[in-house]
Amino acid sequence: MDSEMYLPLLVLFLSVVPLMKCSDWCYTGCVETPSHWGEIQGSSCEGHYQSPINIVTSSVTTDPMLHSFTFVNFSSQHTIKSIINNGHTVECTLMDNEVEMSGGGLNGTYSAVQFHFHWGDTEHHPGSEHTVDGHRYQIEMHIVTLKKHVTVEEAKKQHDGFAVLGFFINATEDGDLSGPWHTLTSNLTDITANGSDVEVNFNFSIDDLIGNVDRTKFYRYYGSLTTPNCNEAVVWTIFHEPIQVHKDLVKLFSMNTSIVNNYRPVHSLNGRKVTASPATPLPPKPHWCYDSHCDYNPAYWHKLPESHCDGKSQSPINIDTHSVMMDDTLGSFKFTNFDNKDAIKYITNTGHTVECVLKDNMVEVSGGGLKHVYSTLQFHFHWGTEAPSSQGSEHTVDSHRYPMELHIVSKRKDLSLDEALQEPDGLAVLGFFIEAKSTSSSKSEMIPWTKLTEYFSAIENISAEVEVTEQISIDDLLGSVNRDSYYRYSGSLTTPSCNEAVVWTVFKETVKVDQNLMEMFPKYTAYEDTYRPVQKVNDRKIYSTSAARASGPIILYPLLACLFALVQ
């Protein structure tokens, strides 16, 4: 059956069905207030991806895929059918199958069926549902749309079955008192009773209400309907610029409807990411560093937005070999395409490390006591200074720090990166200590390291990257290290946000590299001592393979230093 046949019902679904049993739930004045919505039969209101949220702009990242929208009939002055007081809000129903939108990063075309409002009690007590950096606007307007060719019931089961456009409304001291907002609010005296409605016999459009708001500037996240049953089926668009409406018109919503404070409290993101269109202005990102030249050195990383750096299971750690426990289940790894000489896509200077980004879905690791298959994303390095005696590994073994440490970062194949960051085993990091090779070592073993470091002159500037055309595999760089002998523990990324999502493997034998090649890392990047201090082990256990204990360093999974640079 064509979805257009369902559109007249969507108004009912979004205004009556989600608000069904109107006497059974409310914002204030009854038993089923927002804190009890989860007790309503069939409700999803206690889910993990609820709306509204507070948008913390310092944590928002730009998504280049959030292009401009295409709006169909938003400018038509004959699409608004009626204005209804449904007991919870003022809702404007739209003509069936006339108003549509697409683009804006949406996956498909959506049909608009109604728009409604959320407000406080007076002009001095704002009532928008979403907030930005804790600021609540006077009113919020929601334009509700349904994905085309999808039924209402099907849409409720999809994470993007509905698309809602949210516009903040700001009360101004001046402004138009005779325009479209006057026309809209003048009808509120006709719908003071719950369930009352008035047919629209005047001409104004959705565009007339939105005015000159720049619709290329918006935030995006995935969430839920904000009334029962709170289905987690909404792709939200919250526009950056508010609509400016005269304060005398704003206060009519609460004065003429007897509805006040009809907004749901904000909910936790629970790991969700909020992104923004390229045109949206964002505040400068807090700058973190390893030394004291910025506001956020390691001692202050826990103060960064959404930081987990003060958690109880942080990395790196000191591996005390006297307290390590043998684990016979820690067998051999399976390394897929570690021998592929074309797996490295490019090398980049992240501002904190040298990172080698791998081609998508090519390199994998499993086995070794891991409970999942992991896709390898990148590998990067931690080092000290150019001095021959420099020590710069993140992990230490019996308090001994090695000259360098290599981290090979992988995420669970069955999860997205955002999902992996929320799971205690979402990431697997292989840590290899690096130290100077002896003069008796074969020169041929240094050929791949020479090829790698020859690219460094092209990445002296932060964010610079260079495509890798030389034949270099991960196996080439690791050489003959015994990969069956290692330590294992649970920890975190070793750079902000320090998510405690890492299964660490620290290998006991060291990778041997010429001293002059090791010195290329600080020389060409111009930064030194790129390692986080060791963190408390607390109650964690450190395990070891049952193979004979090696005298070489152990490899730990310190922080996936440039993971965020990779995905941004």
Protein backbone atom coordinates (compact mmCIF):
# COMPACT_ATOMS: atom_id res chain seq x y z
CA MET A 1 0.00 0.00 0.00
CA ASP A 2 1.37 3.43 -0.95
CA SER A 3 2.63 5.49 1.98
CA GLU A 4 0.54 8.47 0.83
CA MET A 5 -2.52 6.64 2.12
CA TYR A 6 -0.98 6.74 5.58
CA LEU A 7 -0.17 10.42 5.66
CA PRO A 8 -3.55 11.58 6.94
CA LEU A 9 -3.04 9.11 9.80
CA LEU A 10 0.38 10.48 10.64
CA VAL A 11 -1.10 13.63 12.07
CA LEU A 12 -3.02 11.37 14.40
CA PHE A 13 0.08 9.34 15.22
CA LEU A 14 2.29 12.29 16.00
CA SER A 15 -0.26 14.43 17.78
CA VAL A 16 -2.76 11.99 19.25
CA VAL A 17 -1.22 8.53 19.20
CA PRO A 18 2.14 9.53 20.72
CA LEU A 19 0.04 11.72 22.92
CA MET A 20 -2.48 8.94 23.26
CA LYS A 21 -4.51 8.54 26.40
CA CYS A 22 -4.27 12.27 26.93
CA SER A 23 -5.57 11.95 30.46
CA ASP A 24 -2.82 9.45 31.26
CA TRP A 25 0.23 11.65 30.73
CA CYS A 26 1.10 15.30 31.11
CA TYR A 27 3.95 17.73 31.66
CA THR A 28 2.68 18.87 35.07
CA GLY A 29 -0.39 18.31 37.20
CA CYS A 30 -0.93 14.56 36.88
CA VAL A 31 0.72 11.30 37.92
CA GLU A 32 2.33 10.55 34.57
CA THR A 33 4.73 13.51 34.36
CA PRO A 34 7.89 13.14 32.19
CA SER A 35 9.77 11.26 34.93
CA HIS A 36 7.05 8.57 34.78
CA TRP A 37 6.54 8.34 31.01
CA GLY A 38 8.63 5.19 30.94
CA GLU A 39 5.93 3.46 32.99
CA ILE A 40 3.32 3.92 30.24
CA GLN A 41 2.49 0.64 28.51
CA GLY A 42 4.48 0.19 25.31
CA SER A 43 6.61 3.24 26.06
CA SER A 44 10.22 3.66 24.89
CA CYS A 45 10.68 6.74 27.08
CA GLU A 46 13.40 5.09 29.17
CA GLY A 47 15.52 4.26 26.12
CA HIS A 48 19.16 5.23 25.65
CA TYR A 49 18.66 7.56 22.67
CA GLN A 50 16.00 9.94 23.87
CA SER A 51 15.19 13.53 22.94
CA PRO A 52 15.49 16.42 23.57
CA ILE A 53 19.17 16.98 24.42
CA ASN A 54 21.48 19.80 25.39
CA ILE A 55 23.77 20.62 22.45
CA VAL A 56 27.28 21.28 23.75
CA THR A 57 28.79 23.22 20.87
CA SER A 58 32.38 22.60 21.99
CA SER A 59 31.78 18.87 21.46
CA VAL A 60 30.04 19.20 18.09
CA THR A 61 32.00 18.18 15.00
CA THR A 62 31.47 19.38 11.43
CA ASP A 63 30.04 16.86 8.97
CA PRO A 64 30.84 17.81 5.35
CA MET A 65 27.97 15.57 4.17
CA LEU A 66 25.34 17.85 5.71
CA HIS A 67 24.55 19.74 2.53
CA SER A 68 21.71 22.19 1.94
CA PHE A 69 18.09 21.06 2.09
CA THR A 70 15.61 21.03 -0.75
CA PHE A 71 12.19 22.24 0.43
CA VAL A 72 9.05 21.66 -1.67
CA ASN A 73 6.00 23.89 -1.07
CA PHE A 74 7.40 25.44 2.10
CA SER A 75 6.62 28.73 0.39
CA SER A 76 3.04 27.77 -0.52
CA GLN A 77 0.42 29.82 1.34
CA HIS A 78 -2.24 27.14 0.94
CA THR A 79 -0.75 24.11 2.73
CA ILE A 80 -1.79 24.80 6.35
CA LYS A 81 -5.13 23.11 6.87
CA SER A 82 -6.10 23.70 10.51
CA ILE A 83 -4.84 24.76 13.95
CA ILE A 84 -5.59 22.40 16.84
CA ASN A 85 -5.30 22.49 20.63
CA ASN A 86 -4.68 18.82 21.40
CA GLY A 87 -4.26 19.35 25.13
CA HIS A 88 -0.48 19.31 24.98
CA THR A 89 0.41 21.80 22.26
CA VAL A 90 -0.79 24.00 19.43
CA GLU A 91 -0.52 22.01 16.22
CA CYS A 92 -0.87 23.15 12.63
CA THR A 93 -1.89 20.32 10.33
CA LEU A 94 -0.79 20.38 6.69
CA MET A 95 -2.48 19.39 3.46
CA ASP A 96 -1.79 15.77 2.56
CA ASN A 97 1.19 14.99 0.30
CA GLU A 98 1.99 18.60 -0.55
CA VAL A 99 4.98 19.60 1.59
CA GLU A 100 8.25 17.70 1.22
CA MET A 101 11.95 17.99 1.97
CA SER A 102 15.15 16.18 1.07
CA GLY A 103 18.88 16.79 1.14
CA GLY A 104 20.49 18.08 4.30
CA GLY A 105 22.21 14.74 4.77
CA LEU A 106 18.87 12.92 4.97
CA ASN A 107 18.58 9.43 3.50
CA GLY A 108 15.58 9.98 1.27
CA THR A 109 12.61 12.30 0.82
CA TYR A 110 10.25 13.13 3.69
CA SER A 111 6.64 14.36 3.63
CA ALA A 112 5.71 17.05 6.18
CA VAL A 113 2.39 16.53 7.94
CA GLN A 114 2.28 19.03 10.81
CA PHE A 115 4.19 21.48 12.93
CA HIS A 116 3.71 22.30 16.60
CA PHE A 117 5.25 24.28 19.46
CA HIS A 118 6.77 23.92 22.93
CA TRP A 119 6.91 26.86 25.34
CA GLY A 120 7.22 27.89 29.01
CA ASP A 121 4.78 29.94 31.06
CA THR A 122 5.74 33.58 30.42
CA GLU A 123 8.26 35.47 28.38
CA HIS A 124 10.63 35.23 31.37
CA HIS A 125 10.35 31.44 31.71
CA PRO A 126 11.45 29.94 28.39
CA GLY A 127 10.27 26.54 27.22
CA SER A 128 12.21 25.20 24.25
CA GLU A 129 12.84 21.47 24.45
CA HIS A 130 16.39 21.44 23.14
CA THR A 131 18.99 23.68 24.72
CA VAL A 132 22.30 24.96 23.37
CA ASP A 133 25.17 25.14 25.85
CA GLY A 134 22.52 25.10 28.56
CA HIS A 135 20.56 28.03 27.10
CA ARG A 136 16.82 27.52 26.69
CA TYR A 137 14.91 29.63 24.15
CA GLN A 138 11.38 30.96 24.64
CA ILE A 139 9.69 28.58 22.19
CA GLU A 140 10.66 25.72 19.91
CA MET A 141 8.80 24.87 16.70
CA HIS A 142 8.90 21.30 15.37
CA ILE A 143 8.10 20.47 11.75
CA VAL A 144 7.33 16.75 11.70
CA THR A 145 7.88 14.67 8.56
CA LEU A 146 7.57 11.00 7.60
CA LYS A 147 9.91 9.18 5.23
CA LYS A 148 8.14 8.63 1.91
CA HIS A 149 7.08 5.12 0.89
CA VAL A 150 7.28 4.02 4.55
CA THR A 151 4.22 3.36 6.71
CA VAL A 152 3.90 4.87 10.15
CA GLU A 153 4.43 1.49 11.82
CA GLU A 154 7.51 0.83 9.68
CA ALA A 155 8.87 4.30 10.44
CA LYS A 156 8.57 3.71 14.17
CA LYS A 157 11.03 0.83 13.82
CA GLN A 158 13.66 2.78 11.83
CA HIS A 159 16.21 5.12 13.36
CA ASP A 160 15.37 7.70 10.68
CA GLY A 161 11.73 6.88 9.98
CA PHE A 162 10.81 10.44 10.96
CA ALA A 163 12.72 13.67 10.38
CA VAL A 164 11.93 16.63 12.61
CA LEU A 165 13.11 20.16 11.96
CA GLY A 166 13.54 22.16 15.15
CA PHE A 167 13.51 25.96 15.10
CA PHE A 168 14.18 28.03 18.20
CA ILE A 169 12.02 31.13 18.67
CA ASN A 170 13.53 34.13 20.42
CA ALA A 171 11.34 36.83 21.98
CA THR A 172 12.36 40.31 20.83
CA GLU A 173 11.55 43.79 22.08
CA ASP A 174 10.68 44.94 18.60
CA GLY A 175 9.56 43.26 15.42
CA ASP A 176 6.54 42.73 13.26
CA LEU A 177 3.22 42.74 15.12
CA SER A 178 1.09 42.39 11.99
CA GLY A 179 2.81 39.66 9.98
CA PRO A 180 2.39 35.86 9.81
CA TRP A 181 3.08 35.33 13.52
CA HIS A 182 0.30 37.77 14.37
CA THR A 183 -1.98 35.90 11.99
CA LEU A 184 -1.12 32.57 13.63
CA THR A 185 -1.40 33.71 17.25
CA SER A 186 -4.62 35.65 16.63
CA ASN A 187 -6.34 32.28 16.22
CA LEU A 188 -5.25 30.99 19.62
CA THR A 189 -8.30 32.56 21.30
CA ASP A 190 -10.45 30.25 19.16
CA ILE A 191 -8.80 27.06 20.43
CA THR A 192 -8.60 27.62 24.18
CA ALA A 193 -10.33 24.32 24.95
CA ASN A 194 -8.62 20.94 24.76
CA GLY A 195 -9.56 19.32 21.43
CA SER A 196 -10.75 22.51 19.78
CA ASP A 197 -9.61 23.44 16.31
CA VAL A 198 -10.04 26.14 13.70
CA GLU A 199 -9.79 25.84 9.95
CA VAL A 200 -7.30 28.16 8.32
CA ASN A 201 -8.97 30.70 6.05
CA PHE A 202 -5.98 33.01 5.73
CA ASN A 203 -2.82 32.81 3.72
CA PHE A 204 0.67 32.36 5.18
CA SER A 205 3.34 29.76 4.54
CA ILE A 206 5.90 27.82 6.54
CA ASP A 207 8.57 29.99 4.93
CA ASP A 208 6.72 33.10 6.14
CA LEU A 209 7.00 31.82 9.72
CA ILE A 210 10.66 30.79 9.42
CA GLY A 211 11.58 34.17 7.95
CA ASN A 212 15.23 34.87 7.18
CA VAL A 213 16.72 32.05 9.29
CA ASP A 214 19.78 30.64 7.50
CA ARG A 215 18.78 27.05 6.85
CA THR A 216 22.30 26.00 5.85
CA LYS A 217 23.33 26.27 9.53
CA PHE A 218 22.08 23.35 11.60
CA TYR A 219 22.93 20.58 14.08
CA ARG A 220 22.17 16.90 13.49
CA TYR A 221 21.70 13.92 15.77
CA TYR A 222 19.55 10.80 16.09
CA GLY A 223 16.96 10.58 18.83
CA SER A 224 13.31 10.09 19.66
CA LEU A 225 9.88 11.63 19.66
CA THR A 226 9.64 13.91 22.70
CA THR A 227 6.20 12.72 23.81
CA PRO A 228 5.00 9.21 24.66
CA ASN A 229 5.66 6.70 23.29
CA CYS A 230 9.06 8.36 22.68
CA ASN A 231 9.94 6.06 19.75
CA GLU A 232 13.65 6.26 18.95
CA ALA A 233 12.97 6.81 15.28
CA VAL A 234 13.84 10.45 14.61
CA VAL A 235 16.66 12.11 12.72
CA TRP A 236 16.76 15.54 14.30
CA THR A 237 17.76 18.80 12.63
CA ILE A 238 18.09 21.75 15.01
CA PHE A 239 18.71 25.06 13.27
CA HIS A 240 21.41 27.31 14.65
CA GLU A 241 19.69 30.65 14.12
CA PRO A 242 16.47 31.38 16.04
CA ILE A 243 13.31 32.86 14.55
CA GLN A 244 12.80 36.37 15.91
CA VAL A 245 9.22 36.98 17.14
CA HIS A 246 7.89 39.96 19.11
CA LYS A 247 7.58 39.18 22.82
CA ASP A 248 3.92 40.25 22.86
CA LEU A 249 3.12 37.48 20.39
CA VAL A 250 5.31 34.90 22.15
CA LYS A 251 3.41 35.20 25.44
CA LEU A 252 0.08 34.54 23.71
CA PHE A 253 0.89 30.81 23.48
CA SER A 254 0.65 30.37 27.25
CA MET A 255 -1.90 33.14 27.87
CA ASN A 256 -4.54 31.99 25.36
CA THR A 257 -4.29 28.19 25.53
CA SER A 258 -4.03 27.43 29.28
CA ILE A 259 -1.06 25.22 28.33
CA VAL A 260 2.22 26.04 30.09
CA ASN A 261 5.68 24.48 30.32
CA ASN A 262 4.93 21.85 27.68
CA TYR A 263 8.54 20.80 27.21
CA ARG A 264 10.32 17.60 28.15
CA PRO A 265 13.59 17.83 30.15
CA VAL A 266 16.80 17.20 28.23
CA HIS A 267 18.30 13.70 28.16
CA SER A 268 21.80 12.28 28.14
CA LEU A 269 23.50 11.65 24.80
CA ASN A 270 24.65 8.21 25.96
CA GLY A 271 27.47 8.14 23.46
CA ARG A 272 25.64 9.76 20.56
CA LYS A 273 27.46 12.32 18.46
CA VAL A 274 26.06 15.70 17.49
CA THR A 275 27.34 17.02 14.19
CA ALA A 276 26.88 20.30 12.36
CA SER A 277 26.66 21.46 8.77
CA PRO A 278 29.81 23.10 7.36
CA ALA A 279 28.18 26.56 7.52
CA THR A 280 27.44 26.30 11.25
CA PRO A 281 29.84 28.37 13.38
CA LEU A 282 31.44 26.32 16.14
CA PRO A 283 33.65 27.48 19.01
CA PRO A 284 37.36 26.67 18.84
CA LYS A 285 38.10 23.19 20.07
CA PRO A 286 39.90 23.04 23.43
CA HIS A 287 43.56 22.44 22.69
CA TRP A 288 45.23 19.62 24.56
CA CYS A 289 48.91 18.78 24.62
CA TYR A 290 51.52 16.69 26.40
CA ASP A 291 53.58 19.53 27.86
CA SER A 292 52.73 22.85 29.51
CA HIS A 293 52.35 25.01 26.37
CA CYS A 294 48.54 24.73 26.37
CA ASP A 295 45.70 24.95 28.89
CA TYR A 296 45.05 21.21 28.87
CA ASN A 297 48.15 19.13 29.59
CA PRO A 298 47.63 15.56 30.89
CA ALA A 299 46.91 16.75 34.45
CA TYR A 300 43.89 18.67 33.12
CA TRP A 301 42.59 16.35 30.41
CA HIS A 302 39.72 15.37 32.69
CA LYS A 303 38.35 18.91 32.37
CA LEU A 304 37.91 18.65 28.60
CA PRO A 305 34.34 18.30 27.24
CA GLU A 306 32.99 14.73 27.43
CA SER A 307 36.28 13.54 28.92
CA HIS A 308 36.68 10.17 30.62
CA CYS A 309 40.30 10.86 31.55
CA ASP A 310 39.61 10.65 35.29
CA GLY A 311 38.17 7.13 35.08
CA LYS A 312 39.31 4.15 37.13
CA SER A 313 40.55 2.02 34.20
CA GLN A 314 42.89 4.40 32.42
CA SER A 315 45.94 3.77 30.23
CA PRO A 316 48.88 3.58 29.98
CA ILE A 317 50.04 1.66 33.05
CA ASN A 318 53.19 0.25 34.51
CA ILE A 319 53.28 -3.52 34.04
CA ASP A 320 54.58 -5.07 37.22
CA THR A 321 55.78 -8.46 36.02
CA HIS A 322 55.76 -9.84 39.58
CA SER A 323 51.99 -9.43 39.83
CA VAL A 324 51.12 -10.62 36.33
CA MET A 325 48.80 -13.64 36.13
CA MET A 326 49.30 -16.39 33.54
CA ASP A 327 46.30 -17.06 31.27
CA ASP A 328 46.33 -20.21 29.13
CA THR A 329 43.48 -18.86 26.97
CA LEU A 330 45.76 -16.18 25.50
CA GLY A 331 46.76 -18.04 22.37
CA SER A 332 48.08 -16.98 18.99
CA PHE A 333 46.63 -14.12 16.99
CA LYS A 334 45.34 -14.30 13.46
CA PHE A 335 46.63 -11.32 11.47
CA THR A 336 44.82 -10.71 8.18
CA ASN A 337 46.69 -8.64 5.55
CA PHE A 338 49.41 -7.58 7.98
CA ASP A 339 51.68 -8.72 5.13
CA ASN A 340 49.90 -6.57 2.52
CA LYS A 341 52.42 -4.03 1.20
CA ASP A 342 49.67 -1.74 -0.13
CA ALA A 343 47.55 -1.52 3.04
CA ILE A 344 48.84 1.89 4.18
CA LYS A 345 46.71 4.61 2.58
CA TYR A 346 48.45 7.75 3.83
CA ILE A 347 50.60 9.17 6.61
CA THR A 348 49.53 12.27 8.52
CA ASN A 349 50.84 14.63 11.19
CA THR A 350 47.95 14.92 13.66
CA GLY A 351 49.60 17.53 15.84
CA HIS A 352 50.26 14.88 18.48
CA THR A 353 51.79 11.96 16.59
CA VAL A 354 52.67 10.47 13.22
CA GLU A 355 49.73 8.34 12.14
CA CYS A 356 49.58 5.79 9.33
CA VAL A 357 46.00 5.38 8.13
CA LEU A 358 45.09 2.06 6.54
CA LYS A 359 42.78 1.32 3.65
CA ASP A 360 39.23 0.55 4.69
CA ASN A 361 38.23 -3.01 5.59
CA MET A 362 41.51 -4.53 4.51
CA VAL A 363 43.49 -5.35 7.65
CA GLU A 364 42.04 -7.40 10.53
CA VAL A 365 43.12 -9.04 13.76
CA SER A 366 41.44 -11.82 15.77
CA GLY A 367 42.38 -14.63 18.09
CA GLY A 368 44.84 -13.93 20.87
CA GLY A 369 42.08 -14.23 23.46
CA LEU A 370 40.00 -11.56 21.72
CA LYS A 371 36.30 -12.36 21.63
CA HIS A 372 35.63 -10.55 18.35
CA VAL A 373 37.14 -9.84 14.96
CA TYR A 374 38.66 -6.35 14.79
CA SER A 375 39.19 -4.12 11.75
CA THR A 376 42.52 -2.30 11.89
CA LEU A 377 42.16 1.44 11.34
CA GLN A 378 45.61 2.93 11.83
CA PHE A 379 48.89 2.77 13.67
CA HIS A 380 50.82 5.58 15.31
CA PHE A 381 53.80 6.27 17.55
CA HIS A 382 54.85 7.75 20.89
CA TRP A 383 58.39 9.01 21.47
CA GLY A 384 60.65 11.18 23.61
CA THR A 385 63.29 13.55 22.21
CA GLU A 386 66.10 13.43 19.65
CA ALA A 387 68.63 12.56 22.37
CA PRO A 388 70.10 9.04 22.00
CA SER A 389 69.18 8.26 25.60
CA SER A 390 65.60 9.53 25.23
CA GLN A 391 62.77 7.40 26.62
CA GLY A 392 59.24 7.97 25.31
CA SER A 393 57.08 4.83 25.52
CA GLU A 394 53.68 5.20 27.14
CA HIS A 395 53.60 1.88 28.96
CA THR A 396 56.43 0.90 31.23
CA VAL A 397 57.55 -2.54 32.41
CA ASP A 398 58.74 -2.78 36.00
CA SER A 399 58.97 1.04 35.79
CA HIS A 400 61.32 0.88 32.79
CA ARG A 401 60.36 3.21 29.94
CA TYR A 402 61.46 2.34 26.40
CA PRO A 403 62.55 4.81 23.69
CA MET A 404 59.33 4.53 21.61
CA GLU A 405 56.02 2.72 21.43
CA LEU A 406 53.98 1.70 18.39
CA HIS A 407 50.19 1.33 18.68
CA ILE A 408 48.15 -0.60 16.11
CA VAL A 409 44.51 0.45 16.59
CA SER A 410 41.55 -1.73 15.62
CA LYS A 411 37.80 -1.55 16.28
CA ARG A 412 35.27 -4.33 16.57
CA LYS A 413 34.11 -5.27 13.09
CA ASP A 414 30.47 -5.55 14.18
CA LEU A 415 30.32 -1.99 15.56
CA SER A 416 30.60 1.53 14.26
CA LEU A 417 33.40 3.59 15.75
CA ASP A 418 30.96 5.57 17.90
CA GLU A 419 29.45 2.34 19.20
CA ALA A 420 32.89 0.83 19.82
CA LEU A 421 33.86 3.77 22.01
CA GLN A 422 31.00 2.88 24.36
CA GLU A 423 31.93 -0.79 24.83
CA PRO A 424 34.67 -2.07 27.18
CA ASP A 425 36.05 -4.21 24.35
CA GLY A 426 35.09 -1.95 21.45
CA LEU A 427 38.73 -1.32 20.52
CA ALA A 428 41.79 -3.56 20.49
CA VAL A 429 45.21 -1.94 20.50
CA LEU A 430 48.44 -3.81 19.91
CA GLY A 431 51.36 -2.11 21.64
CA PHE A 432 54.96 -2.69 20.60
CA PHE A 433 57.97 -1.19 22.32
CA ILE A 434 60.70 0.14 20.05
CA GLU A 435 64.38 0.39 20.94
CA ALA A 436 67.66 0.88 19.10
CA LYS A 437 68.93 -2.16 17.23
CA SER A 438 72.39 -3.53 17.74
CA THR A 439 75.07 -2.93 15.16
CA SER A 440 75.01 -6.62 14.30
CA SER A 441 71.41 -6.47 13.06
CA SER A 442 70.71 -6.89 9.37
CA LYS A 443 70.52 -3.64 7.40
CA SER A 444 67.77 -5.12 5.24
CA GLU A 445 65.47 -5.06 8.26
CA MET A 446 65.64 -1.27 8.23
CA ILE A 447 64.52 -0.84 4.62
CA PRO A 448 60.78 -0.54 5.47
CA TRP A 449 61.56 1.91 8.31
CA THR A 450 63.70 3.94 5.96
CA LYS A 451 60.90 4.04 3.40
CA LEU A 452 58.44 5.10 6.10
CA THR A 453 60.55 7.92 7.55
CA GLU A 454 61.37 9.28 4.08
CA TYR A 455 57.76 10.54 3.98
CA PHE A 456 58.26 12.68 7.10
CA SER A 457 59.61 15.69 5.24
CA ALA A 458 56.19 15.99 3.59
CA ILE A 459 54.28 16.10 6.89
CA GLU A 460 56.20 18.68 8.90
CA ASN A 461 53.05 20.82 9.22
CA ILE A 462 50.16 19.80 11.45
CA SER A 463 47.31 18.14 9.49
CA ALA A 464 49.61 17.55 6.51
CA GLU A 465 49.22 14.14 4.93
CA VAL A 466 50.99 12.26 2.16
CA GLU A 467 49.85 9.27 0.13
CA VAL A 468 51.96 6.15 0.57
CA THR A 469 53.16 4.68 -2.71
CA GLU A 470 56.08 2.64 -1.38
CA GLN A 471 55.60 -1.05 -0.69
CA ILE A 472 55.47 -1.25 3.14
CA SER A 473 53.54 -3.78 5.21
CA ILE A 474 52.90 -3.89 8.94
CA ASP A 475 54.77 -7.21 9.04
CA ASP A 476 57.76 -5.48 7.45
CA LEU A 477 57.85 -2.92 10.26
CA LEU A 478 57.39 -5.43 13.07
CA GLY A 479 60.11 -7.73 11.81
CA SER A 480 60.73 -10.94 13.75
CA VAL A 481 59.08 -9.93 17.04
CA ASN A 482 57.53 -12.91 18.84
CA ARG A 483 53.82 -12.18 18.66
CA ASP A 484 52.83 -15.14 20.81
CA SER A 485 54.34 -13.59 23.94
CA TYR A 486 52.40 -10.64 25.35
CA TYR A 487 50.55 -9.02 28.24
CA ARG A 488 46.82 -8.31 28.33
CA TYR A 489 44.69 -5.89 30.32
CA SER A 490 41.60 -3.68 29.96
CA GLY A 491 42.11 0.05 29.73
CA SER A 492 41.47 3.24 27.83
CA LEU A 493 42.55 5.41 25.00
CA THR A 494 45.66 7.31 26.06
CA THR A 495 44.55 10.62 24.58
CA PRO A 496 41.36 12.61 25.14
CA SER A 497 38.60 11.61 25.50
CA CYS A 498 40.30 8.61 27.17
CA ASN A 499 37.31 6.28 26.60
CA GLU A 500 37.66 3.10 28.64
CA ALA A 501 36.96 0.93 25.62
CA VAL A 502 40.30 -0.77 24.90
CA VAL A 503 41.50 -4.34 25.16
CA TRP A 504 45.24 -3.79 25.41
CA THR A 505 47.87 -6.19 24.15
CA VAL A 506 51.44 -5.27 25.01
CA PHE A 507 54.08 -7.46 23.42
CA LYS A 508 57.07 -8.54 25.44
CA GLU A 509 59.74 -8.41 22.75
CA THR A 510 60.83 -5.08 21.31
CA VAL A 511 60.95 -3.94 17.71
CA LYS A 512 64.52 -2.96 16.80
CA VAL A 513 65.03 0.26 14.78
CA ASP A 514 68.14 2.28 13.93
CA GLN A 515 68.68 5.15 16.35
CA ASN A 516 68.95 7.69 13.52
CA LEU A 517 65.54 6.60 12.18
CA MET A 518 63.95 6.90 15.61
CA GLU A 519 65.26 10.45 15.85
CA MET A 520 63.35 11.36 12.67
CA PHE A 521 60.05 11.38 14.59
CA PRO A 522 60.77 14.34 16.88
CA LYS A 523 63.01 15.98 14.29
CA TYR A 524 60.38 16.37 11.57
CA THR A 525 57.32 16.91 13.76
CA ALA A 526 59.07 19.36 16.13
CA TYR A 527 57.31 18.02 19.20
CA GLU A 528 58.73 15.84 21.93
CA ASP A 529 57.74 13.55 24.80
CA THR A 530 54.45 12.52 23.20
CA TYR A 531 53.41 10.14 25.94
CA ARG A 532 50.87 10.22 28.75
CA PRO A 533 52.15 9.46 32.27
CA VAL A 534 51.29 6.00 33.58
CA GLN A 535 47.96 5.70 35.37
CA LYS A 536 46.92 3.73 38.44
CA VAL A 537 46.13 0.08 37.86
CA ASN A 538 43.52 0.13 40.64
CA ASP A 539 41.79 -3.28 40.84
CA ARG A 540 42.57 -4.39 37.32
CA LYS A 541 44.35 -7.66 36.55
CA ILE A 542 47.23 -7.90 34.10
CA TYR A 543 47.51 -11.23 32.32
CA SER A 544 50.32 -12.86 30.40
CA THR A 545 50.66 -15.62 27.88
CA SER A 546 52.04 -18.81 29.33
CA ALA A 547 55.08 -18.58 27.06
CA ALA A 548 58.41 -18.00 28.78
CA ARG A 549 58.75 -14.46 30.07
CA ALA A 550 60.83 -12.39 27.70
CA SER A 551 63.33 -9.79 28.76
CA GLY A 552 62.14 -7.34 26.14
CA PRO A 553 59.51 -4.71 26.70
CA ILE A 554 55.86 -5.43 26.89
CA ILE A 555 53.47 -3.90 24.49
CA LEU A 556 50.57 -2.02 25.83
CA TYR A 557 47.64 -0.39 24.19
CA PRO A 558 48.12 3.16 25.21
CA LEU A 559 45.78 5.76 23.95
CA LEU A 560 44.70 5.59 20.41
CA ALA A 561 46.30 8.96 20.12
CA CYS A 562 44.97 10.13 16.81
CA LEU A 563 41.80 8.14 16.54
CA PHE A 564 39.68 11.27 16.45
CA ALA A 565 41.89 12.87 13.85
CA LEU A 566 41.28 9.78 11.75
CA VAL A 567 37.49 9.99 11.83
CA GLN A 568 37.02 13.71 11.68
